[in-house]
Amino acid sequence: MSRYYLAWLLILLAAVGTAVAYPDMPATMPTHWGPGGDPDRYGPKAIALFIVPALMIFMTILFWLLPKLERANTKKRIKESALSSILMVLLLGLFALQVFIIGYGYGFEWNLSTVLGPIIGLLFVAIGNYMPRLGPKLSYGPGFKPHSEPMDEPAWRSTNRWTSYAFVIGGLILVLTAFMPSGSQFPVFLTVVILVGLSPAISAYLYRQRVK
C-alpha cells in the first residue's frame, strides 16, 4: 500500500477542499453536462460535491486490489508500478474535475468540454505508455485480445504496440481540444474516442492480413 500514499494524499486534499467549500455552495448544483459542455441536470449539492471523492476512493482501492487478484507473480513489481502510475493520472484528472465542479459552484461557468478532453487525453497517454509493459497472459489491465481466437505472443505484442500508439496519439489530440473552438470540441472528442476504441480490432486484423 506504500506506493499509494500519494493517491491517498490527493484524495485527502479533494475531501478537505470539498468540505471547506461545502457551506458556500448553492443548494442545487449540476450533476450532468450535455454534449456541448453545458449542465443539463441538477441535484443536491451533497451528491454533486462528494461523488467525485467517492469515485477516487473506489478507484484507489480497486487498483490496489488488482495485483492481488493476479495469480502470476512474474514481474509483479513492474506491473504494480505501472498500475500506480495509471491510478495517479486518473486521480489527477478526477481532482481537476472536482476543482471544476467547486469552481462552478462559486460562479465560474466553465465549459466542461474544455476540461474533459485534456483529462481523458492524459489518461489515454498514460494507458498507451503502460500497455507495452504488460504480458499477453495477464488477467487484468489493458492488454487487448480483440477476438476470441488464441493469440500467440508475436501477434499480441504487435497488436498491443499499435494500439498503444493509437492511445498516445489520440490522447495528445484530446489534450489539444482545450484550445479548439467550443463547437468542434465534442465532435473531435467523440471521433477520437471511437477510433481509439476500434484500434485493437483494426491492428489485429491488419496483423492477420500481413502474416497470411
N, C-alpha and C. Protein backbone atom coordinates (compact mmCIF):
# COMPACT_ATOMS: atom_id res chain seq x y z
N MET A 1 0.82 -1.21 0.00
CA MET A 1 0.00 0.00 0.00
C MET A 1 0.85 1.26 0.00
N SER A 2 2.18 1.12 0.27
CA SER A 2 3.03 2.29 0.42
C SER A 2 3.10 3.11 -0.86
N ARG A 3 3.04 2.45 -2.03
CA ARG A 3 3.14 3.19 -3.29
C ARG A 3 1.87 3.99 -3.56
N TYR A 4 0.85 3.84 -2.73
CA TYR A 4 -0.40 4.56 -2.93
C TYR A 4 -0.56 5.73 -1.96
N TYR A 5 0.51 6.08 -1.25
CA TYR A 5 0.43 7.21 -0.32
C TYR A 5 0.05 8.51 -1.04
N LEU A 6 0.64 8.75 -2.21
CA LEU A 6 0.32 9.96 -2.96
C LEU A 6 -1.14 9.98 -3.38
N ALA A 7 -1.66 8.80 -3.73
CA ALA A 7 -3.06 8.72 -4.11
C ALA A 7 -3.96 9.12 -2.95
N TRP A 8 -3.67 8.58 -1.76
CA TRP A 8 -4.49 8.91 -0.60
C TRP A 8 -4.32 10.38 -0.20
N LEU A 9 -3.13 10.93 -0.41
CA LEU A 9 -2.92 12.35 -0.13
C LEU A 9 -3.78 13.21 -1.04
N LEU A 10 -3.84 12.85 -2.33
CA LEU A 10 -4.66 13.59 -3.28
C LEU A 10 -6.15 13.48 -2.91
N ILE A 11 -6.57 12.30 -2.48
CA ILE A 11 -7.95 12.12 -2.05
C ILE A 11 -8.25 12.98 -0.83
N LEU A 12 -7.29 13.03 0.10
CA LEU A 12 -7.46 13.86 1.30
C LEU A 12 -7.60 15.33 0.93
N LEU A 13 -6.77 15.80 0.00
CA LEU A 13 -6.87 17.20 -0.44
C LEU A 13 -8.22 17.49 -1.07
N ALA A 14 -8.70 16.55 -1.89
CA ALA A 14 -10.01 16.73 -2.52
C ALA A 14 -11.12 16.76 -1.48
N ALA A 15 -11.04 15.86 -0.48
CA ALA A 15 -12.08 15.79 0.54
C ALA A 15 -12.08 17.04 1.43
N VAL A 16 -10.88 17.48 1.83
CA VAL A 16 -10.78 18.67 2.68
C VAL A 16 -11.24 19.91 1.93
N GLY A 17 -10.80 20.06 0.67
CA GLY A 17 -11.22 21.20 -0.12
C GLY A 17 -12.72 21.22 -0.33
N THR A 18 -13.30 20.06 -0.54
CA THR A 18 -14.75 19.97 -0.71
C THR A 18 -15.48 20.33 0.58
N ALA A 19 -14.98 19.83 1.71
CA ALA A 19 -15.62 20.13 2.99
C ALA A 19 -15.56 21.62 3.31
N VAL A 20 -14.43 22.26 2.98
CA VAL A 20 -14.28 23.70 3.24
C VAL A 20 -15.24 24.51 2.36
N ALA A 21 -15.37 24.09 1.09
CA ALA A 21 -16.21 24.84 0.15
C ALA A 21 -17.69 24.54 0.33
N TYR A 22 -18.03 23.43 0.97
CA TYR A 22 -19.41 22.97 1.03
C TYR A 22 -20.40 24.03 1.53
N PRO A 23 -20.11 24.75 2.63
CA PRO A 23 -21.10 25.74 3.12
C PRO A 23 -21.36 26.86 2.12
N ASP A 24 -20.42 27.17 1.24
CA ASP A 24 -20.58 28.27 0.30
C ASP A 24 -21.30 27.86 -0.98
N MET A 25 -21.51 26.57 -1.18
CA MET A 25 -22.10 26.08 -2.43
C MET A 25 -23.62 26.26 -2.42
N PRO A 26 -24.22 26.50 -3.60
CA PRO A 26 -25.69 26.58 -3.69
C PRO A 26 -26.32 25.23 -3.37
N ALA A 27 -27.57 25.25 -2.94
CA ALA A 27 -28.24 24.01 -2.53
C ALA A 27 -28.38 23.04 -3.69
N THR A 28 -28.53 23.56 -4.91
CA THR A 28 -28.65 22.71 -6.10
C THR A 28 -27.50 23.00 -7.04
N MET A 29 -26.85 21.92 -7.51
CA MET A 29 -25.69 22.08 -8.38
C MET A 29 -25.79 21.12 -9.56
N PRO A 30 -25.04 21.40 -10.64
CA PRO A 30 -25.07 20.49 -11.80
C PRO A 30 -24.53 19.11 -11.43
N THR A 31 -25.21 18.08 -11.92
CA THR A 31 -24.74 16.70 -11.74
C THR A 31 -24.48 16.02 -13.09
N HIS A 32 -24.81 16.69 -14.18
CA HIS A 32 -24.58 16.12 -15.51
C HIS A 32 -24.44 17.25 -16.51
N TRP A 33 -23.51 17.05 -17.47
CA TRP A 33 -23.29 18.02 -18.53
C TRP A 33 -23.60 17.38 -19.87
N GLY A 34 -24.23 18.14 -20.77
CA GLY A 34 -24.58 17.63 -22.08
C GLY A 34 -23.40 17.63 -23.03
N PRO A 35 -23.62 17.17 -24.29
CA PRO A 35 -22.53 17.09 -25.27
C PRO A 35 -21.85 18.43 -25.53
N GLY A 36 -22.59 19.53 -25.40
CA GLY A 36 -21.99 20.85 -25.64
C GLY A 36 -21.16 21.36 -24.49
N GLY A 37 -21.15 20.62 -23.36
CA GLY A 37 -20.36 21.04 -22.20
C GLY A 37 -21.11 21.89 -21.21
N ASP A 38 -22.43 22.08 -21.43
CA ASP A 38 -23.25 22.88 -20.52
C ASP A 38 -24.08 21.95 -19.64
N PRO A 39 -24.33 22.34 -18.38
CA PRO A 39 -25.09 21.47 -17.48
C PRO A 39 -26.53 21.30 -17.95
N ASP A 40 -27.04 20.07 -17.88
CA ASP A 40 -28.41 19.80 -18.29
C ASP A 40 -29.18 19.01 -17.24
N ARG A 41 -28.54 18.76 -16.08
CA ARG A 41 -29.21 18.06 -15.00
C ARG A 41 -28.65 18.55 -13.67
N TYR A 42 -29.53 18.72 -12.69
CA TYR A 42 -29.12 19.28 -11.41
C TYR A 42 -29.59 18.37 -10.28
N GLY A 43 -28.90 18.49 -9.13
CA GLY A 43 -29.26 17.69 -7.97
C GLY A 43 -28.75 18.34 -6.70
N PRO A 44 -28.98 17.71 -5.55
CA PRO A 44 -28.50 18.26 -4.28
C PRO A 44 -26.98 18.42 -4.28
N LYS A 45 -26.52 19.45 -3.59
CA LYS A 45 -25.07 19.71 -3.62
C LYS A 45 -24.27 18.59 -2.96
N ALA A 46 -24.88 17.86 -2.02
CA ALA A 46 -24.14 16.76 -1.38
C ALA A 46 -23.76 15.70 -2.42
N ILE A 47 -24.66 15.42 -3.36
CA ILE A 47 -24.36 14.44 -4.41
C ILE A 47 -23.35 15.01 -5.39
N ALA A 48 -23.58 16.25 -5.82
CA ALA A 48 -22.70 16.87 -6.81
C ALA A 48 -21.27 17.00 -6.32
N LEU A 49 -21.10 17.26 -5.02
CA LEU A 49 -19.77 17.55 -4.49
C LEU A 49 -19.01 16.31 -4.03
N PHE A 50 -19.70 15.28 -3.59
CA PHE A 50 -18.99 14.16 -2.98
C PHE A 50 -18.90 12.92 -3.85
N ILE A 51 -19.54 12.93 -5.03
CA ILE A 51 -19.47 11.76 -5.88
C ILE A 51 -18.06 11.55 -6.44
N VAL A 52 -17.36 12.65 -6.76
CA VAL A 52 -16.00 12.51 -7.31
C VAL A 52 -15.02 12.00 -6.25
N PRO A 53 -14.98 12.58 -5.02
CA PRO A 53 -14.10 11.99 -4.00
C PRO A 53 -14.42 10.52 -3.72
N ALA A 54 -15.72 10.16 -3.73
CA ALA A 54 -16.08 8.75 -3.52
C ALA A 54 -15.54 7.89 -4.65
N LEU A 55 -15.61 8.39 -5.87
CA LEU A 55 -15.07 7.65 -7.01
C LEU A 55 -13.55 7.51 -6.91
N MET A 56 -12.87 8.55 -6.42
CA MET A 56 -11.42 8.49 -6.22
C MET A 56 -11.05 7.40 -5.22
N ILE A 57 -11.82 7.29 -4.14
CA ILE A 57 -11.56 6.25 -3.14
C ILE A 57 -11.78 4.87 -3.75
N PHE A 58 -12.88 4.71 -4.49
CA PHE A 58 -13.18 3.43 -5.12
C PHE A 58 -12.08 3.01 -6.09
N MET A 59 -11.61 3.95 -6.93
CA MET A 59 -10.57 3.62 -7.91
C MET A 59 -9.27 3.23 -7.22
N THR A 60 -8.92 3.91 -6.13
CA THR A 60 -7.68 3.60 -5.42
C THR A 60 -7.73 2.19 -4.82
N ILE A 61 -8.84 1.85 -4.21
CA ILE A 61 -8.98 0.51 -3.64
C ILE A 61 -8.95 -0.55 -4.75
N LEU A 62 -9.62 -0.26 -5.86
CA LEU A 62 -9.64 -1.21 -6.98
C LEU A 62 -8.24 -1.45 -7.53
N PHE A 63 -7.48 -0.38 -7.77
CA PHE A 63 -6.13 -0.53 -8.32
C PHE A 63 -5.20 -1.21 -7.32
N TRP A 64 -5.44 -1.03 -6.03
CA TRP A 64 -4.64 -1.72 -5.02
C TRP A 64 -4.94 -3.22 -5.00
N LEU A 65 -6.20 -3.57 -5.28
CA LEU A 65 -6.59 -4.97 -5.25
C LEU A 65 -6.20 -5.73 -6.52
N LEU A 66 -6.11 -5.04 -7.66
CA LEU A 66 -5.85 -5.72 -8.93
C LEU A 66 -4.62 -6.62 -8.90
N PRO A 67 -3.46 -6.15 -8.42
CA PRO A 67 -2.30 -7.05 -8.40
C PRO A 67 -2.51 -8.27 -7.51
N LYS A 68 -3.31 -8.12 -6.47
CA LYS A 68 -3.55 -9.24 -5.56
C LYS A 68 -4.45 -10.29 -6.20
N LEU A 69 -5.23 -9.86 -7.20
CA LEU A 69 -6.08 -10.81 -7.91
C LEU A 69 -5.33 -11.53 -9.02
N GLU A 70 -4.14 -11.04 -9.35
CA GLU A 70 -3.32 -11.65 -10.40
C GLU A 70 -2.59 -12.86 -9.84
N ARG A 71 -2.82 -14.00 -10.40
CA ARG A 71 -2.21 -15.23 -9.86
C ARG A 71 -0.74 -15.34 -10.22
N ALA A 72 -0.37 -14.90 -11.42
CA ALA A 72 1.03 -15.00 -11.84
C ALA A 72 1.81 -13.86 -11.20
N ASN A 73 2.92 -14.17 -10.56
CA ASN A 73 3.73 -13.16 -9.88
C ASN A 73 4.88 -12.63 -10.72
N THR A 74 4.96 -13.05 -11.98
CA THR A 74 6.06 -12.62 -12.83
C THR A 74 6.02 -11.12 -13.04
N LYS A 75 7.14 -10.46 -12.80
CA LYS A 75 7.27 -9.02 -13.00
C LYS A 75 6.21 -8.24 -12.23
N LYS A 76 5.88 -8.73 -11.05
CA LYS A 76 4.82 -8.10 -10.27
C LYS A 76 5.17 -6.66 -9.92
N ARG A 77 6.43 -6.40 -9.59
CA ARG A 77 6.82 -5.05 -9.21
C ARG A 77 6.60 -4.08 -10.36
N ILE A 78 6.96 -4.50 -11.57
CA ILE A 78 6.78 -3.63 -12.73
C ILE A 78 5.29 -3.35 -12.95
N LYS A 79 4.48 -4.37 -12.84
CA LYS A 79 3.06 -4.21 -13.08
C LYS A 79 2.43 -3.29 -12.04
N GLU A 80 2.77 -3.45 -10.77
CA GLU A 80 2.21 -2.60 -9.74
C GLU A 80 2.66 -1.15 -9.92
N SER A 81 3.90 -0.96 -10.33
CA SER A 81 4.39 0.39 -10.59
C SER A 81 3.60 1.04 -11.72
N ALA A 82 3.35 0.27 -12.78
CA ALA A 82 2.58 0.80 -13.90
C ALA A 82 1.15 1.11 -13.47
N LEU A 83 0.56 0.22 -12.68
CA LEU A 83 -0.80 0.46 -12.21
C LEU A 83 -0.89 1.71 -11.35
N SER A 84 0.08 1.91 -10.47
CA SER A 84 0.05 3.10 -9.61
C SER A 84 0.22 4.37 -10.43
N SER A 85 1.00 4.30 -11.51
CA SER A 85 1.17 5.47 -12.38
C SER A 85 -0.14 5.81 -13.09
N ILE A 86 -0.82 4.78 -13.61
CA ILE A 86 -2.12 4.98 -14.24
C ILE A 86 -3.11 5.56 -13.24
N LEU A 87 -3.10 5.02 -12.03
CA LEU A 87 -4.02 5.50 -11.00
C LEU A 87 -3.80 6.98 -10.71
N MET A 88 -2.54 7.40 -10.59
CA MET A 88 -2.26 8.79 -10.28
C MET A 88 -2.75 9.72 -11.39
N VAL A 89 -2.58 9.32 -12.64
CA VAL A 89 -3.10 10.13 -13.75
C VAL A 89 -4.61 10.23 -13.66
N LEU A 90 -5.26 9.09 -13.39
CA LEU A 90 -6.71 9.07 -13.27
C LEU A 90 -7.18 9.95 -12.11
N LEU A 91 -6.50 9.85 -10.96
CA LEU A 91 -6.88 10.65 -9.80
C LEU A 91 -6.64 12.14 -10.04
N LEU A 92 -5.56 12.48 -10.73
CA LEU A 92 -5.32 13.89 -11.04
C LEU A 92 -6.42 14.43 -11.94
N GLY A 93 -6.89 13.60 -12.89
CA GLY A 93 -8.00 14.02 -13.73
C GLY A 93 -9.27 14.23 -12.93
N LEU A 94 -9.56 13.30 -12.02
CA LEU A 94 -10.75 13.45 -11.17
C LEU A 94 -10.61 14.64 -10.23
N PHE A 95 -9.39 14.89 -9.76
CA PHE A 95 -9.15 16.05 -8.90
C PHE A 95 -9.44 17.34 -9.67
N ALA A 96 -8.97 17.39 -10.92
CA ALA A 96 -9.23 18.56 -11.75
C ALA A 96 -10.74 18.72 -11.99
N LEU A 97 -11.44 17.60 -12.17
CA LEU A 97 -12.89 17.66 -12.34
C LEU A 97 -13.57 18.19 -11.08
N GLN A 98 -13.07 17.78 -9.92
CA GLN A 98 -13.64 18.28 -8.66
C GLN A 98 -13.41 19.78 -8.52
N VAL A 99 -12.23 20.25 -8.89
CA VAL A 99 -11.97 21.70 -8.87
C VAL A 99 -12.94 22.42 -9.81
N PHE A 100 -13.19 21.81 -10.97
CA PHE A 100 -14.14 22.38 -11.93
C PHE A 100 -15.53 22.50 -11.30
N ILE A 101 -15.99 21.44 -10.62
CA ILE A 101 -17.32 21.45 -10.00
C ILE A 101 -17.42 22.50 -8.91
N ILE A 102 -16.39 22.57 -8.06
CA ILE A 102 -16.41 23.58 -6.99
C ILE A 102 -16.36 24.98 -7.58
N GLY A 103 -15.54 25.16 -8.60
CA GLY A 103 -15.47 26.46 -9.26
C GLY A 103 -16.80 26.86 -9.86
N TYR A 104 -17.52 25.88 -10.41
CA TYR A 104 -18.84 26.16 -10.97
C TYR A 104 -19.79 26.62 -9.86
N GLY A 105 -19.65 26.01 -8.67
CA GLY A 105 -20.49 26.42 -7.55
C GLY A 105 -20.20 27.83 -7.09
N TYR A 106 -18.96 28.29 -7.30
CA TYR A 106 -18.59 29.66 -6.94
C TYR A 106 -18.94 30.66 -8.04
N GLY A 107 -19.50 30.17 -9.14
CA GLY A 107 -19.96 31.08 -10.18
C GLY A 107 -19.11 31.12 -11.43
N PHE A 108 -18.05 30.31 -11.50
CA PHE A 108 -17.22 30.25 -12.71
C PHE A 108 -17.87 29.28 -13.70
N GLU A 109 -18.54 29.80 -14.70
CA GLU A 109 -19.28 28.96 -15.64
C GLU A 109 -18.37 28.49 -16.77
N TRP A 110 -17.48 27.55 -16.44
CA TRP A 110 -16.59 26.97 -17.42
C TRP A 110 -17.35 25.97 -18.28
N ASN A 111 -16.83 25.73 -19.46
CA ASN A 111 -17.39 24.71 -20.34
C ASN A 111 -16.69 23.38 -20.05
N LEU A 112 -17.47 22.34 -19.74
CA LEU A 112 -16.87 21.07 -19.35
C LEU A 112 -16.07 20.43 -20.48
N SER A 113 -16.48 20.66 -21.73
CA SER A 113 -15.75 20.06 -22.85
C SER A 113 -14.30 20.52 -22.88
N THR A 114 -14.06 21.75 -22.42
CA THR A 114 -12.69 22.28 -22.40
C THR A 114 -11.84 21.55 -21.38
N VAL A 115 -12.47 21.03 -20.32
CA VAL A 115 -11.74 20.35 -19.25
C VAL A 115 -11.69 18.84 -19.49
N LEU A 116 -12.81 18.27 -19.97
CA LEU A 116 -12.90 16.82 -20.08
C LEU A 116 -11.94 16.25 -21.11
N GLY A 117 -11.80 16.93 -22.25
CA GLY A 117 -10.90 16.43 -23.30
C GLY A 117 -9.48 16.22 -22.81
N PRO A 118 -8.85 17.25 -22.22
CA PRO A 118 -7.49 17.05 -21.70
C PRO A 118 -7.39 15.99 -20.61
N ILE A 119 -8.41 15.87 -19.75
CA ILE A 119 -8.38 14.86 -18.69
C ILE A 119 -8.35 13.46 -19.30
N ILE A 120 -9.28 13.19 -20.22
CA ILE A 120 -9.32 11.88 -20.88
C ILE A 120 -8.07 11.68 -21.72
N GLY A 121 -7.59 12.76 -22.34
CA GLY A 121 -6.38 12.67 -23.17
C GLY A 121 -5.17 12.24 -22.37
N LEU A 122 -4.97 12.83 -21.21
CA LEU A 122 -3.84 12.43 -20.36
C LEU A 122 -3.97 10.98 -19.91
N LEU A 123 -5.20 10.56 -19.63
CA LEU A 123 -5.41 9.16 -19.25
C LEU A 123 -5.07 8.23 -20.41
N PHE A 124 -5.46 8.60 -21.63
CA PHE A 124 -5.13 7.79 -22.80
C PHE A 124 -3.62 7.70 -23.00
N VAL A 125 -2.93 8.82 -22.83
CA VAL A 125 -1.47 8.82 -22.98
C VAL A 125 -0.83 7.89 -21.95
N ALA A 126 -1.31 7.96 -20.71
CA ALA A 126 -0.77 7.10 -19.66
C ALA A 126 -1.03 5.63 -19.97
N ILE A 127 -2.25 5.30 -20.42
CA ILE A 127 -2.57 3.91 -20.77
C ILE A 127 -1.70 3.44 -21.93
N GLY A 128 -1.52 4.30 -22.93
CA GLY A 128 -0.69 3.93 -24.08
C GLY A 128 0.74 3.62 -23.68
N ASN A 129 1.27 4.34 -22.71
CA ASN A 129 2.62 4.07 -22.23
C ASN A 129 2.68 2.85 -21.32
N TYR A 130 1.58 2.52 -20.70
CA TYR A 130 1.51 1.41 -19.76
C TYR A 130 1.37 0.06 -20.46
N MET A 131 0.63 0.04 -21.57
CA MET A 131 0.30 -1.22 -22.23
C MET A 131 1.50 -2.08 -22.62
N PRO A 132 2.57 -1.52 -23.20
CA PRO A 132 3.70 -2.39 -23.58
C PRO A 132 4.37 -3.09 -22.40
N ARG A 133 4.10 -2.65 -21.18
CA ARG A 133 4.74 -3.26 -20.02
C ARG A 133 4.00 -4.49 -19.53
N LEU A 134 2.86 -4.80 -20.16
CA LEU A 134 2.11 -5.99 -19.79
C LEU A 134 2.51 -7.16 -20.68
N GLY A 135 2.23 -8.34 -20.19
CA GLY A 135 2.47 -9.54 -20.98
C GLY A 135 1.16 -10.12 -21.48
N PRO A 136 1.20 -10.97 -22.50
CA PRO A 136 -0.02 -11.48 -23.10
C PRO A 136 -0.86 -12.39 -22.23
N LYS A 137 -0.30 -12.88 -21.11
CA LYS A 137 -1.07 -13.82 -20.28
C LYS A 137 -1.62 -13.17 -19.02
N LEU A 138 -1.50 -11.84 -18.92
CA LEU A 138 -2.02 -11.20 -17.72
C LEU A 138 -3.54 -11.20 -17.75
N SER A 139 -4.13 -11.29 -16.56
CA SER A 139 -5.59 -11.36 -16.48
C SER A 139 -6.22 -10.00 -16.25
N TYR A 140 -5.43 -8.93 -16.08
CA TYR A 140 -6.03 -7.62 -15.90
C TYR A 140 -5.20 -6.61 -16.65
N GLY A 141 -5.77 -5.39 -16.71
CA GLY A 141 -5.07 -4.31 -17.40
C GLY A 141 -5.43 -4.28 -18.87
N PRO A 142 -5.08 -3.19 -19.58
CA PRO A 142 -5.49 -3.04 -20.98
C PRO A 142 -4.59 -3.80 -21.94
N GLY A 143 -4.48 -5.10 -21.76
CA GLY A 143 -3.81 -5.94 -22.73
C GLY A 143 -4.87 -6.54 -23.62
N PHE A 144 -4.95 -6.06 -24.86
CA PHE A 144 -6.13 -6.34 -25.67
C PHE A 144 -6.03 -7.66 -26.41
N LYS A 145 -7.13 -8.42 -26.37
CA LYS A 145 -7.33 -9.59 -27.23
C LYS A 145 -8.63 -9.34 -27.98
N PRO A 146 -8.56 -8.70 -29.16
CA PRO A 146 -9.76 -8.19 -29.80
C PRO A 146 -10.64 -9.24 -30.47
N HIS A 147 -10.30 -10.51 -30.40
CA HIS A 147 -11.17 -11.55 -30.94
C HIS A 147 -11.00 -12.79 -30.09
N SER A 148 -11.86 -13.77 -30.29
CA SER A 148 -11.90 -14.94 -29.41
C SER A 148 -10.83 -15.97 -29.73
N GLU A 149 -10.18 -15.86 -30.88
CA GLU A 149 -9.16 -16.83 -31.24
C GLU A 149 -7.91 -16.63 -30.38
N PRO A 150 -7.21 -17.72 -30.06
CA PRO A 150 -5.98 -17.58 -29.29
C PRO A 150 -4.95 -16.74 -30.05
N MET A 151 -4.19 -15.92 -29.33
CA MET A 151 -3.18 -15.08 -29.95
C MET A 151 -1.81 -15.52 -29.44
N ASP A 152 -0.89 -15.77 -30.36
CA ASP A 152 0.46 -16.07 -29.92
C ASP A 152 1.13 -14.76 -29.50
N GLU A 153 2.31 -14.89 -28.88
CA GLU A 153 2.96 -13.70 -28.33
C GLU A 153 3.32 -12.66 -29.39
N PRO A 154 3.87 -13.04 -30.56
CA PRO A 154 4.15 -12.01 -31.58
C PRO A 154 2.90 -11.24 -32.01
N ALA A 155 1.78 -11.97 -32.17
CA ALA A 155 0.54 -11.30 -32.57
C ALA A 155 0.07 -10.35 -31.48
N TRP A 156 0.14 -10.81 -30.24
CA TRP A 156 -0.29 -9.96 -29.13
C TRP A 156 0.57 -8.71 -29.03
N ARG A 157 1.89 -8.89 -29.14
CA ARG A 157 2.78 -7.74 -28.99
C ARG A 157 2.59 -6.74 -30.14
N SER A 158 2.39 -7.24 -31.35
CA SER A 158 2.16 -6.34 -32.48
C SER A 158 0.86 -5.56 -32.28
N THR A 159 -0.18 -6.28 -31.89
CA THR A 159 -1.48 -5.62 -31.68
C THR A 159 -1.40 -4.59 -30.58
N ASN A 160 -0.79 -4.96 -29.46
CA ASN A 160 -0.70 -4.02 -28.34
C ASN A 160 0.21 -2.83 -28.65
N ARG A 161 1.26 -3.06 -29.43
CA ARG A 161 2.16 -1.96 -29.77
C ARG A 161 1.42 -0.88 -30.56
N TRP A 162 0.71 -1.30 -31.63
CA TRP A 162 0.00 -0.33 -32.45
C TRP A 162 -1.18 0.28 -31.71
N THR A 163 -1.81 -0.51 -30.83
CA THR A 163 -2.90 0.04 -30.03
C THR A 163 -2.38 1.08 -29.05
N SER A 164 -1.20 0.83 -28.47
CA SER A 164 -0.62 1.82 -27.56
C SER A 164 -0.29 3.11 -28.29
N TYR A 165 0.19 3.02 -29.55
CA TYR A 165 0.42 4.22 -30.34
C TYR A 165 -0.88 5.00 -30.53
N ALA A 166 -1.98 4.26 -30.81
CA ALA A 166 -3.27 4.91 -31.02
C ALA A 166 -3.73 5.65 -29.76
N PHE A 167 -3.51 5.03 -28.60
CA PHE A 167 -3.88 5.68 -27.35
C PHE A 167 -3.08 6.95 -27.12
N VAL A 168 -1.78 6.89 -27.36
CA VAL A 168 -0.93 8.06 -27.13
C VAL A 168 -1.29 9.19 -28.09
N ILE A 169 -1.39 8.89 -29.39
CA ILE A 169 -1.70 9.91 -30.38
C ILE A 169 -3.11 10.48 -30.13
N GLY A 170 -4.07 9.58 -29.89
CA GLY A 170 -5.42 10.04 -29.59
C GLY A 170 -5.47 10.90 -28.34
N GLY A 171 -4.70 10.50 -27.32
CA GLY A 171 -4.66 11.28 -26.09
C GLY A 171 -4.10 12.67 -26.30
N LEU A 172 -3.05 12.78 -27.11
CA LEU A 172 -2.47 14.10 -27.38
C LEU A 172 -3.46 14.99 -28.14
N ILE A 173 -4.22 14.39 -29.06
CA ILE A 173 -5.24 15.16 -29.78
C ILE A 173 -6.31 15.66 -28.81
N LEU A 174 -6.71 14.80 -27.87
CA LEU A 174 -7.72 15.21 -26.89
C LEU A 174 -7.21 16.34 -26.00
N VAL A 175 -5.93 16.30 -25.65
CA VAL A 175 -5.36 17.41 -24.87
C VAL A 175 -5.47 18.72 -25.63
N LEU A 176 -5.25 18.65 -26.95
CA LEU A 176 -5.30 19.85 -27.78
C LEU A 176 -6.71 20.39 -27.97
N THR A 177 -7.75 19.59 -27.66
CA THR A 177 -9.12 20.10 -27.81
C THR A 177 -9.39 21.28 -26.88
N ALA A 178 -8.59 21.41 -25.83
CA ALA A 178 -8.76 22.56 -24.92
C ALA A 178 -8.55 23.89 -25.65
N PHE A 179 -7.81 23.86 -26.76
CA PHE A 179 -7.50 25.08 -27.50
C PHE A 179 -8.35 25.22 -28.77
N MET A 180 -9.29 24.28 -28.97
CA MET A 180 -10.14 24.33 -30.15
C MET A 180 -11.40 25.14 -29.88
N PRO A 181 -12.06 25.64 -30.93
CA PRO A 181 -13.35 26.31 -30.74
C PRO A 181 -14.35 25.39 -30.06
N SER A 182 -15.22 25.93 -29.21
CA SER A 182 -16.12 25.11 -28.41
C SER A 182 -17.03 24.24 -29.28
N GLY A 183 -17.39 24.71 -30.47
CA GLY A 183 -18.27 23.93 -31.33
C GLY A 183 -17.64 22.69 -31.90
N SER A 184 -16.32 22.64 -31.95
CA SER A 184 -15.63 21.48 -32.54
C SER A 184 -15.08 20.53 -31.48
N GLN A 185 -15.12 20.90 -30.22
CA GLN A 185 -14.50 20.08 -29.18
C GLN A 185 -15.18 18.72 -29.04
N PHE A 186 -16.51 18.71 -28.94
CA PHE A 186 -17.19 17.43 -28.74
C PHE A 186 -17.10 16.51 -29.96
N PRO A 187 -17.31 17.02 -31.21
CA PRO A 187 -17.14 16.11 -32.36
C PRO A 187 -15.75 15.50 -32.45
N VAL A 188 -14.71 16.30 -32.17
CA VAL A 188 -13.35 15.76 -32.19
C VAL A 188 -13.18 14.73 -31.07
N PHE A 189 -13.67 15.05 -29.89
CA PHE A 189 -13.59 14.13 -28.75
C PHE A 189 -14.24 12.79 -29.09
N LEU A 190 -15.47 12.83 -29.62
CA LEU A 190 -16.19 11.61 -29.93
C LEU A 190 -15.49 10.80 -31.01
N THR A 191 -14.98 11.48 -32.04
CA THR A 191 -14.29 10.79 -33.13
C THR A 191 -13.03 10.08 -32.63
N VAL A 192 -12.25 10.77 -31.81
CA VAL A 192 -11.01 10.19 -31.29
C VAL A 192 -11.31 8.99 -30.40
N VAL A 193 -12.29 9.11 -29.52
CA VAL A 193 -12.62 8.01 -28.61
C VAL A 193 -13.07 6.78 -29.40
N ILE A 194 -13.88 6.97 -30.44
CA ILE A 194 -14.35 5.84 -31.26
C ILE A 194 -13.17 5.18 -31.98
N LEU A 195 -12.30 5.99 -32.59
CA LEU A 195 -11.18 5.43 -33.34
C LEU A 195 -10.21 4.69 -32.42
N VAL A 196 -9.93 5.27 -31.25
CA VAL A 196 -9.04 4.60 -30.30
C VAL A 196 -9.68 3.30 -29.81
N GLY A 197 -11.00 3.33 -29.58
CA GLY A 197 -11.69 2.12 -29.15
C GLY A 197 -11.65 1.01 -30.18
N LEU A 198 -11.63 1.39 -31.46
CA LEU A 198 -11.58 0.39 -32.53
C LEU A 198 -10.16 -0.06 -32.86
N SER A 199 -9.16 0.65 -32.34
CA SER A 199 -7.77 0.37 -32.73
C SER A 199 -7.31 -1.06 -32.43
N PRO A 200 -7.73 -1.71 -31.32
CA PRO A 200 -7.28 -3.10 -31.12
C PRO A 200 -7.76 -4.03 -32.23
N ALA A 201 -9.04 -3.91 -32.61
CA ALA A 201 -9.57 -4.77 -33.66
C ALA A 201 -8.91 -4.48 -35.00
N ILE A 202 -8.68 -3.20 -35.29
CA ILE A 202 -8.05 -2.83 -36.56
C ILE A 202 -6.62 -3.35 -36.63
N SER A 203 -5.85 -3.15 -35.56
CA SER A 203 -4.45 -3.60 -35.58
C SER A 203 -4.35 -5.12 -35.64
N ALA A 204 -5.27 -5.83 -34.98
CA ALA A 204 -5.26 -7.30 -35.04
C ALA A 204 -5.60 -7.77 -36.44
N TYR A 205 -6.57 -7.13 -37.07
CA TYR A 205 -6.95 -7.51 -38.44
C TYR A 205 -5.78 -7.28 -39.40
N LEU A 206 -5.13 -6.12 -39.29
CA LEU A 206 -4.00 -5.82 -40.18
C LEU A 206 -2.85 -6.80 -39.96
N TYR A 207 -2.64 -7.21 -38.71
CA TYR A 207 -1.57 -8.17 -38.44
C TYR A 207 -1.88 -9.52 -39.10
N ARG A 208 -3.13 -9.98 -38.97
CA ARG A 208 -3.50 -11.25 -39.57
C ARG A 208 -3.38 -11.21 -41.10
N GLN A 209 -3.71 -10.07 -41.70
CA GLN A 209 -3.56 -9.94 -43.14
C GLN A 209 -2.10 -9.95 -43.55
N ARG A 210 -1.26 -9.38 -42.70
CA ARG A 210 0.17 -9.28 -43.04
C ARG A 210 0.87 -10.62 -42.96
N VAL A 211 0.45 -11.48 -42.03
CA VAL A 211 1.14 -12.75 -41.84
C VAL A 211 0.55 -13.88 -42.67
N LYS A 212 -0.55 -13.62 -43.39
CA LYS A 212 -1.14 -14.66 -44.25
C LYS A 212 -0.19 -15.05 -45.38
